[in-house]
N, C-alpha and C. Protein backbone atom coordinates (compact mmCIF):
# COMPACT_ATOMS: atom_id res chain seq x y z
N MET A 1 1.95 -24.14 -3.43
CA MET A 1 2.78 -23.14 -2.78
C MET A 1 2.46 -21.73 -3.23
N SER A 2 1.50 -21.56 -4.14
CA SER A 2 1.16 -20.23 -4.62
C SER A 2 0.00 -19.61 -3.83
N LYS A 3 -0.38 -20.23 -2.73
CA LYS A 3 -1.45 -19.70 -1.89
C LYS A 3 -1.02 -18.38 -1.27
N LEU A 4 -1.90 -17.38 -1.35
CA LEU A 4 -1.60 -16.08 -0.77
C LEU A 4 -2.02 -16.06 0.70
N LEU A 5 -1.14 -15.52 1.52
CA LEU A 5 -1.37 -15.45 2.96
C LEU A 5 -1.35 -13.98 3.40
N PRO A 6 -2.07 -13.65 4.48
CA PRO A 6 -2.03 -12.27 4.99
C PRO A 6 -0.63 -11.91 5.48
N LEU A 7 -0.21 -10.70 5.20
CA LEU A 7 1.10 -10.21 5.63
C LEU A 7 0.92 -9.02 6.56
N ALA A 8 1.85 -8.85 7.49
CA ALA A 8 1.83 -7.69 8.38
C ALA A 8 2.34 -6.44 7.66
N ALA A 9 3.26 -6.65 6.71
CA ALA A 9 3.85 -5.53 5.99
C ALA A 9 4.45 -6.01 4.67
N ILE A 10 4.65 -5.07 3.77
CA ILE A 10 5.39 -5.33 2.53
C ILE A 10 6.49 -4.29 2.45
N TRP A 11 7.69 -4.74 2.15
CA TRP A 11 8.85 -3.86 2.01
C TRP A 11 9.00 -3.46 0.55
N LEU A 12 9.17 -2.17 0.31
CA LEU A 12 9.31 -1.62 -1.03
C LEU A 12 10.79 -1.45 -1.38
N ASP A 13 11.08 -1.22 -2.66
CA ASP A 13 12.46 -1.02 -3.11
C ASP A 13 12.97 0.38 -2.79
N SER A 14 12.09 1.36 -2.75
CA SER A 14 12.51 2.73 -2.44
C SER A 14 11.48 3.38 -1.53
N LYS A 15 11.93 4.37 -0.75
CA LYS A 15 11.05 5.03 0.21
C LYS A 15 9.95 5.80 -0.50
N VAL A 16 8.81 5.85 0.18
CA VAL A 16 7.66 6.59 -0.32
C VAL A 16 7.03 7.34 0.85
N ALA A 17 6.51 8.53 0.58
CA ALA A 17 5.82 9.32 1.62
C ALA A 17 4.37 8.82 1.72
N VAL A 18 3.99 8.39 2.92
CA VAL A 18 2.65 7.87 3.18
C VAL A 18 2.09 8.55 4.42
N GLU A 19 0.79 8.38 4.64
CA GLU A 19 0.16 8.90 5.84
C GLU A 19 -0.19 7.72 6.74
N THR A 20 0.21 7.78 8.00
CA THR A 20 -0.09 6.71 8.94
C THR A 20 -1.55 6.81 9.38
N GLU A 21 -2.01 5.84 10.12
CA GLU A 21 -3.38 5.84 10.63
C GLU A 21 -3.65 7.04 11.54
N THR A 22 -2.60 7.56 12.17
CA THR A 22 -2.75 8.71 13.07
C THR A 22 -2.65 10.04 12.34
N GLY A 23 -2.42 10.02 11.02
CA GLY A 23 -2.37 11.25 10.24
C GLY A 23 -0.98 11.81 10.04
N GLU A 24 0.03 11.14 10.54
CA GLU A 24 1.42 11.59 10.39
C GLU A 24 1.95 11.18 9.01
N ILE A 25 2.61 12.11 8.33
CA ILE A 25 3.22 11.80 7.03
C ILE A 25 4.66 11.41 7.27
N ILE A 26 5.02 10.20 6.80
CA ILE A 26 6.38 9.69 6.98
C ILE A 26 6.90 9.15 5.65
N ARG A 27 8.22 9.05 5.53
CA ARG A 27 8.85 8.38 4.40
C ARG A 27 9.29 7.01 4.89
N THR A 28 8.90 5.98 4.18
CA THR A 28 9.15 4.63 4.65
C THR A 28 9.36 3.66 3.50
N LEU A 29 10.03 2.56 3.80
CA LEU A 29 10.16 1.44 2.87
C LEU A 29 9.10 0.38 3.15
N ARG A 30 8.44 0.49 4.30
CA ARG A 30 7.54 -0.55 4.79
C ARG A 30 6.10 -0.04 4.81
N ILE A 31 5.21 -0.70 4.04
CA ILE A 31 3.80 -0.32 4.08
C ILE A 31 3.03 -1.37 4.88
N THR A 32 2.04 -0.89 5.63
CA THR A 32 1.25 -1.77 6.49
C THR A 32 -0.24 -1.45 6.33
N LYS A 33 -1.05 -2.36 6.82
CA LYS A 33 -2.51 -2.19 6.80
C LYS A 33 -2.87 -0.91 7.54
N GLY A 34 -3.81 -0.15 6.97
CA GLY A 34 -4.27 1.07 7.61
C GLY A 34 -3.59 2.33 7.11
N MET A 35 -2.44 2.21 6.45
CA MET A 35 -1.76 3.39 5.91
C MET A 35 -2.55 3.96 4.75
N HIS A 36 -2.43 5.27 4.58
CA HIS A 36 -3.08 5.98 3.48
C HIS A 36 -2.00 6.28 2.45
N ILE A 37 -2.25 5.89 1.21
CA ILE A 37 -1.24 6.04 0.16
C ILE A 37 -1.86 6.71 -1.07
N ARG A 38 -0.99 7.18 -1.94
CA ARG A 38 -1.42 7.75 -3.22
C ARG A 38 -1.02 6.77 -4.31
N VAL A 39 -1.98 6.38 -5.14
CA VAL A 39 -1.72 5.47 -6.26
C VAL A 39 -2.21 6.14 -7.54
N SER A 40 -1.36 6.11 -8.54
CA SER A 40 -1.72 6.63 -9.85
C SER A 40 -1.12 5.72 -10.91
N HIS A 41 -1.94 5.26 -11.83
CA HIS A 41 -1.51 4.38 -12.92
C HIS A 41 -0.77 3.14 -12.40
N GLY A 42 -1.24 2.59 -11.27
CA GLY A 42 -0.67 1.36 -10.73
C GLY A 42 0.64 1.54 -9.98
N THR A 43 0.99 2.78 -9.64
CA THR A 43 2.25 3.06 -8.95
C THR A 43 1.97 3.83 -7.66
N ILE A 44 2.66 3.45 -6.59
CA ILE A 44 2.55 4.18 -5.32
C ILE A 44 3.43 5.42 -5.42
N LEU A 45 2.83 6.58 -5.20
CA LEU A 45 3.54 7.86 -5.29
C LEU A 45 3.60 8.54 -3.93
N ASP A 46 4.52 9.50 -3.79
CA ASP A 46 4.62 10.27 -2.56
C ASP A 46 3.38 11.12 -2.34
N ILE A 47 3.00 11.23 -1.08
CA ILE A 47 1.93 12.14 -0.67
C ILE A 47 2.58 13.49 -0.41
N ASN A 48 1.91 14.55 -0.84
CA ASN A 48 2.34 15.90 -0.50
C ASN A 48 1.10 16.80 -0.45
N GLU A 49 1.30 18.10 -0.24
CA GLU A 49 0.16 19.01 -0.10
C GLU A 49 -0.73 19.02 -1.33
N ASP A 50 -0.12 18.92 -2.51
CA ASP A 50 -0.89 18.97 -3.76
C ASP A 50 -1.48 17.61 -4.14
N ASN A 51 -0.88 16.54 -3.67
CA ASN A 51 -1.31 15.19 -4.02
C ASN A 51 -1.56 14.38 -2.76
N GLN A 52 -2.79 14.47 -2.27
CA GLN A 52 -3.16 13.78 -1.03
C GLN A 52 -3.39 12.29 -1.30
N ALA A 53 -3.46 11.52 -0.22
CA ALA A 53 -3.72 10.08 -0.32
C ALA A 53 -5.08 9.84 -0.95
N ASN A 54 -5.15 8.82 -1.80
CA ASN A 54 -6.44 8.49 -2.42
C ASN A 54 -6.88 7.06 -2.12
N TYR A 55 -6.06 6.31 -1.37
CA TYR A 55 -6.42 4.94 -0.99
C TYR A 55 -5.94 4.65 0.43
N THR A 56 -6.62 3.71 1.08
CA THR A 56 -6.22 3.17 2.38
C THR A 56 -5.97 1.68 2.19
N ILE A 57 -4.87 1.19 2.74
CA ILE A 57 -4.53 -0.22 2.63
C ILE A 57 -5.45 -1.02 3.56
N SER A 58 -6.23 -1.94 2.98
CA SER A 58 -7.14 -2.75 3.79
C SER A 58 -6.56 -4.14 4.07
N GLU A 59 -5.67 -4.62 3.19
CA GLU A 59 -5.10 -5.95 3.37
C GLU A 59 -3.84 -6.09 2.52
N LEU A 60 -2.86 -6.80 3.04
CA LEU A 60 -1.64 -7.12 2.31
C LEU A 60 -1.53 -8.64 2.22
N LEU A 61 -1.22 -9.14 1.04
CA LEU A 61 -1.14 -10.58 0.82
C LEU A 61 0.13 -10.92 0.06
N GLY A 62 0.63 -12.14 0.31
CA GLY A 62 1.79 -12.62 -0.43
C GLY A 62 1.95 -14.12 -0.25
N ASP A 63 2.74 -14.73 -1.14
CA ASP A 63 3.03 -16.15 -0.99
C ASP A 63 4.24 -16.33 -0.08
N ILE A 64 4.56 -17.56 0.27
CA ILE A 64 5.62 -17.79 1.26
C ILE A 64 7.00 -17.43 0.75
N TYR A 65 7.17 -17.31 -0.55
CA TYR A 65 8.47 -16.95 -1.13
C TYR A 65 8.54 -15.48 -1.53
N SER A 66 7.48 -14.72 -1.30
CA SER A 66 7.38 -13.32 -1.70
C SER A 66 7.56 -13.12 -3.20
N THR A 67 7.15 -14.13 -3.98
CA THR A 67 7.21 -13.98 -5.43
C THR A 67 5.95 -13.30 -5.94
N GLN A 68 4.90 -13.31 -5.13
CA GLN A 68 3.67 -12.60 -5.48
C GLN A 68 3.25 -11.78 -4.27
N LEU A 69 3.14 -10.46 -4.47
CA LEU A 69 2.75 -9.55 -3.40
C LEU A 69 1.65 -8.64 -3.92
N GLU A 70 0.62 -8.45 -3.12
CA GLU A 70 -0.45 -7.56 -3.54
C GLU A 70 -1.03 -6.82 -2.34
N ALA A 71 -1.55 -5.63 -2.63
CA ALA A 71 -2.20 -4.80 -1.62
C ALA A 71 -3.64 -4.59 -2.05
N HIS A 72 -4.55 -4.82 -1.14
CA HIS A 72 -5.96 -4.55 -1.39
C HIS A 72 -6.26 -3.19 -0.77
N LEU A 73 -6.85 -2.32 -1.58
CA LEU A 73 -7.02 -0.93 -1.19
C LEU A 73 -8.49 -0.53 -1.23
N ILE A 74 -8.83 0.46 -0.41
CA ILE A 74 -10.16 1.07 -0.44
C ILE A 74 -9.95 2.54 -0.79
N GLY A 75 -10.60 2.98 -1.86
CA GLY A 75 -10.46 4.36 -2.32
C GLY A 75 -11.24 5.34 -1.48
N ASN A 76 -10.90 6.61 -1.63
CA ASN A 76 -11.62 7.66 -0.92
C ASN A 76 -13.10 7.68 -1.31
N ASP A 77 -13.41 7.14 -2.48
CA ASP A 77 -14.79 7.05 -2.94
C ASP A 77 -15.41 5.68 -2.59
N PHE A 78 -14.72 4.91 -1.72
CA PHE A 78 -15.13 3.59 -1.23
C PHE A 78 -15.06 2.49 -2.29
N SER A 79 -14.37 2.77 -3.39
CA SER A 79 -14.14 1.74 -4.39
C SER A 79 -13.05 0.80 -3.88
N GLU A 80 -13.02 -0.42 -4.41
CA GLU A 80 -11.99 -1.39 -4.04
C GLU A 80 -11.02 -1.55 -5.20
N TYR A 81 -9.74 -1.73 -4.86
CA TYR A 81 -8.70 -1.82 -5.88
C TYR A 81 -7.65 -2.82 -5.40
N LYS A 82 -7.19 -3.67 -6.31
CA LYS A 82 -6.11 -4.60 -5.98
C LYS A 82 -4.87 -4.15 -6.72
N LEU A 83 -3.83 -3.83 -5.97
CA LEU A 83 -2.57 -3.38 -6.52
C LEU A 83 -1.56 -4.52 -6.47
N ILE A 84 -1.15 -5.00 -7.63
CA ILE A 84 -0.15 -6.08 -7.71
C ILE A 84 1.23 -5.43 -7.61
N LEU A 85 1.97 -5.77 -6.55
CA LEU A 85 3.28 -5.16 -6.34
C LEU A 85 4.40 -6.03 -6.93
N LYS A 86 4.15 -7.32 -7.04
CA LYS A 86 5.17 -8.22 -7.56
C LYS A 86 4.52 -9.45 -8.09
């Protein structure tokens, strides 16, 4: 039962400012594939003029009980990063 499956979205505990695929900056609880986010020290932070997005969400995975959630990211420098959310 610990098999990770692709997810359409992951819901966060608090809102975060992200950039959508179309370039719009929104505050949301729900992150989805294709969104541009800012990550620093393993934490998703708000995007603003001084702190632009540094990763794009390429895949979201989780188990059927949502006890394990992770986001696979591609950095602006094309590096790959796995962010464990839960």
